[in-house]
Amino acid sequence: MTLGVLYVVVTGAGATRQVPTLFLPPAAERGWDVRVLATGQAASAFPESMAQIEGVTGHPVRTSFHTTVGYSLPDPDAVVVAPATYNTLTKWALGIADTYVLTRLAEQVGRRVPIVAAPYVHTRFAAHPTYEGSLATLKQWGVRLVIGPGEPHEPGAAEPDDFPWAEILETVTSAREGAVTPRP
C-alpha cells in the first residue's frame, strides 16, 4: 500500500546532506513514492547528495521545468520542504514564484496539498522582521511547521545531529492520512 507521491523540496542548507540517509529510506518504508525537487543552490552546493538522492529514489532530482514529453512529475499527495532556508521560506510566503521550486510550492498551496516545512535558519536571519511574519503566513495557509530543537541555529554551526527528520515524516504522514484515504 502506498501513501502516494511525496515531493521533498531541499534547499542550500547543510542538513540537505542528511536527506538521502536520514529521511528518504524511512519515507519509502512508510509507503511514500518520493520525488525530490532541489533549489539551484542545493544542487550546486551538494552535488554528491543529489547523486545519492537519485540512487535512493530511483528518480532524477528536479531543479527546473522540463518540456520533454513523458518527463513530467506526477502531482504530489503531500510535500515536505526540509531543510528550508530563510530565502525559500520568505520568498514562498510572499508568493514569489521565480524558480522551479517556488512555482511548484505556490501551486501546491493552491491545490491545498498537505505541506510540512522545517526551517534550517541561523539566528541572524531569524531575527529579521520578515521571518516571523513569513512563518505566520505559511501557517495561515495551512503549512505545518516543524521547528527542530536547535533552531534557529548559530551562524557557522556544524551540521545538526538533531534535525527533526522523524517528526517531519510523522507530521506529513499524519496530514496525508487525515486528508484522504491512502491509495491501495
Protein backbone atom coordinates (compact mmCIF):
# COMPACT_ATOMS: atom_id res chain seq x y z
CA MET A 1 0.00 0.00 0.00
CA THR A 2 1.27 3.45 -0.86
CA LEU A 3 0.54 6.77 0.76
CA GLY A 4 1.08 8.43 -2.60
CA VAL A 5 3.60 10.77 -4.14
CA LEU A 6 5.65 12.86 -1.74
CA TYR A 7 7.61 15.82 -3.02
CA VAL A 8 10.65 16.53 -0.87
CA VAL A 9 11.99 20.02 -1.53
CA VAL A 10 15.60 20.56 -0.49
CA THR A 11 17.47 23.85 -0.29
CA GLY A 12 21.04 25.05 0.11
CA ALA A 13 21.12 24.30 3.85
CA GLY A 14 23.66 21.97 5.45
CA ALA A 15 21.07 19.46 6.63
CA THR A 16 20.37 18.65 2.96
CA ARG A 17 23.31 16.24 3.17
CA GLN A 18 21.22 14.13 5.58
CA VAL A 19 18.23 13.67 3.27
CA PRO A 20 19.47 10.55 1.41
CA THR A 21 20.27 8.65 4.60
CA LEU A 22 18.05 10.01 7.37
CA PHE A 23 14.82 10.90 5.56
CA LEU A 24 14.37 9.07 2.26
CA PRO A 25 14.71 5.44 3.47
CA PRO A 26 12.17 5.86 6.32
CA ALA A 27 9.80 7.71 3.95
CA ALA A 28 9.94 4.84 1.45
CA GLU A 29 9.41 2.32 4.27
CA ARG A 30 6.27 4.22 5.26
CA GLY A 31 4.89 3.84 1.74
CA TRP A 32 5.78 7.13 0.08
CA ASP A 33 6.80 7.36 -3.59
CA VAL A 34 9.35 10.14 -3.12
CA ARG A 35 10.31 12.70 -5.76
CA VAL A 36 12.96 15.28 -4.82
CA LEU A 37 12.97 18.85 -6.05
CA ALA A 38 16.04 20.96 -5.32
CA THR A 39 16.76 24.64 -5.42
CA GLY A 40 19.60 25.66 -7.69
CA GLN A 41 21.69 26.43 -4.62
CA ALA A 42 21.10 22.94 -3.21
CA ALA A 43 22.08 21.29 -6.49
CA SER A 44 25.28 23.31 -6.83
CA ALA A 45 26.30 23.13 -3.14
CA PHE A 46 25.60 19.42 -2.65
CA PRO A 47 26.20 17.52 -5.92
CA GLU A 48 27.20 14.35 -4.04
CA SER A 49 23.95 14.45 -2.07
CA MET A 50 21.95 14.92 -5.28
CA ALA A 51 23.60 11.81 -6.74
CA GLN A 52 22.86 9.87 -3.53
CA ILE A 53 19.23 11.03 -3.60
CA GLU A 54 18.84 9.81 -7.18
CA GLY A 55 20.32 6.45 -6.19
CA VAL A 56 17.94 6.07 -3.25
CA THR A 57 14.76 7.20 -5.01
CA GLY A 58 15.48 5.88 -8.49
CA HIS A 59 14.28 9.24 -9.86
CA PRO A 60 16.24 12.26 -11.05
CA VAL A 61 16.35 15.30 -8.77
CA ARG A 62 14.32 18.04 -10.42
CA THR A 63 15.71 21.57 -10.45
CA SER A 64 13.90 23.06 -13.42
CA PHE A 65 10.96 22.70 -15.74
CA HIS A 66 11.24 20.09 -18.46
CA THR A 67 9.29 20.14 -21.69
CA THR A 68 10.18 16.58 -22.72
CA VAL A 69 7.03 14.52 -23.24
CA GLY A 70 6.69 11.85 -20.57
CA TYR A 71 9.11 13.56 -18.19
CA SER A 72 6.53 15.36 -16.09
CA LEU A 73 6.31 14.71 -12.38
CA PRO A 74 3.10 13.25 -11.03
CA ASP A 75 1.12 15.62 -8.83
CA PRO A 76 2.06 15.17 -5.19
CA ASP A 77 -0.22 13.91 -2.45
CA ALA A 78 1.92 15.77 0.10
CA VAL A 79 5.02 17.96 0.25
CA VAL A 80 7.94 18.29 2.65
CA VAL A 81 10.19 21.35 2.49
CA ALA A 82 13.23 20.45 4.56
CA PRO A 83 15.66 21.80 5.32
CA ALA A 84 14.05 25.14 4.45
CA THR A 85 16.26 28.22 4.23
CA TYR A 86 15.30 31.78 5.08
CA ASN A 87 15.34 32.65 1.39
CA THR A 88 12.98 29.86 0.36
CA LEU A 89 10.58 30.44 3.26
CA THR A 90 10.33 34.22 2.86
CA LYS A 91 10.01 34.21 -0.92
CA TRP A 92 7.40 31.45 -0.75
CA ALA A 93 5.39 33.37 1.87
CA LEU A 94 5.49 36.46 -0.33
CA GLY A 95 4.05 34.46 -3.22
CA ILE A 96 7.18 34.83 -5.33
CA ALA A 97 7.36 32.07 -7.92
CA ASP A 98 10.56 32.95 -9.76
CA THR A 99 12.17 29.50 -9.62
CA TYR A 100 11.03 25.97 -10.36
CA VAL A 101 10.81 25.07 -6.66
CA LEU A 102 8.89 28.21 -5.68
CA THR A 103 6.50 27.76 -8.60
CA ARG A 104 5.76 24.18 -7.54
CA LEU A 105 5.30 25.26 -3.90
CA ALA A 106 2.89 28.03 -4.88
CA GLU A 107 0.92 25.55 -6.98
CA GLN A 108 0.64 23.01 -4.15
CA VAL A 109 -0.59 25.66 -1.69
CA GLY A 110 -3.28 26.47 -4.25
CA ARG A 111 -4.15 22.77 -4.57
CA ARG A 112 -4.41 22.52 -0.77
CA VAL A 113 -1.99 19.60 -0.66
CA PRO A 114 -0.70 18.82 2.86
CA ILE A 115 2.66 20.57 3.27
CA VAL A 116 5.21 20.34 6.07
CA ALA A 117 8.14 22.75 6.28
CA ALA A 118 11.12 22.54 8.63
CA PRO A 119 13.31 25.65 8.81
CA TYR A 120 17.08 25.49 8.95
CA VAL A 121 17.83 29.16 9.54
CA HIS A 122 20.56 30.83 11.53
CA THR A 123 19.84 33.36 14.26
CA ARG A 124 20.74 36.46 12.24
CA PHE A 125 18.20 35.64 9.55
CA ALA A 126 15.64 34.52 12.12
CA ALA A 127 15.97 37.93 13.78
CA HIS A 128 14.94 39.72 10.57
CA PRO A 129 11.42 41.19 10.93
CA THR A 130 10.22 39.38 7.79
CA TYR A 131 10.99 35.90 9.11
CA GLU A 132 8.33 35.53 11.81
CA GLY A 133 5.75 37.08 9.51
CA SER A 134 6.68 34.59 6.78
CA LEU A 135 6.20 31.67 9.15
CA ALA A 136 2.85 33.10 10.28
CA THR A 137 1.72 33.46 6.67
CA LEU A 138 2.68 29.89 5.83
CA LYS A 139 0.81 28.62 8.90
CA GLN A 140 -2.24 30.66 7.87
CA TRP A 141 -2.12 28.87 4.52
CA GLY A 142 -2.18 25.51 6.30
CA VAL A 143 1.52 24.69 6.09
CA ARG A 144 2.55 22.65 9.11
CA LEU A 145 5.84 23.84 10.60
CA VAL A 146 8.24 21.54 12.39
CA ILE A 147 10.88 23.50 14.28
CA GLY A 148 13.82 21.45 15.48
CA PRO A 149 15.30 21.84 18.97
CA GLY A 150 18.39 23.62 17.62
CA GLU A 151 16.50 26.15 15.51
CA PRO A 152 17.30 28.82 14.83
CA HIS A 153 20.97 27.86 14.97
CA GLU A 154 24.10 29.94 15.35
CA PRO A 155 25.83 31.10 12.14
CA GLY A 156 28.53 28.67 11.09
CA ALA A 157 27.14 25.89 13.28
CA ALA A 158 28.06 22.33 12.40
CA GLU A 159 25.55 20.20 10.55
CA PRO A 160 22.83 19.35 13.06
CA ASP A 161 22.61 15.95 14.66
CA ASP A 162 19.11 16.74 15.91
CA PHE A 163 17.32 17.91 12.77
CA PRO A 164 13.75 16.61 13.27
CA TRP A 165 13.53 14.14 10.38
CA ALA A 166 11.36 11.64 12.27
CA GLU A 167 8.92 14.34 13.36
CA ILE A 168 8.75 15.71 9.82
CA LEU A 169 7.91 12.25 8.46
CA GLU A 170 5.32 11.62 11.16
CA THR A 171 3.71 15.03 10.57
CA VAL A 172 3.43 14.67 6.79
CA THR A 173 2.19 11.07 7.04
CA SER A 174 -0.47 12.05 9.59
CA ALA A 175 -1.50 15.02 7.45
CA ARG A 176 -1.85 12.78 4.39
CA GLU A 177 -3.76 10.08 6.26
CA GLY A 178 -6.09 12.71 7.69
CA ALA A 179 -6.67 14.33 4.30
CA VAL A 180 -7.53 11.30 2.18
CA THR A 181 -7.68 7.54 2.44
CA PRO A 182 -4.31 6.14 1.27
CA ARG A 183 -4.10 4.61 -2.19
CA PRO A 184 -4.18 0.79 -2.40
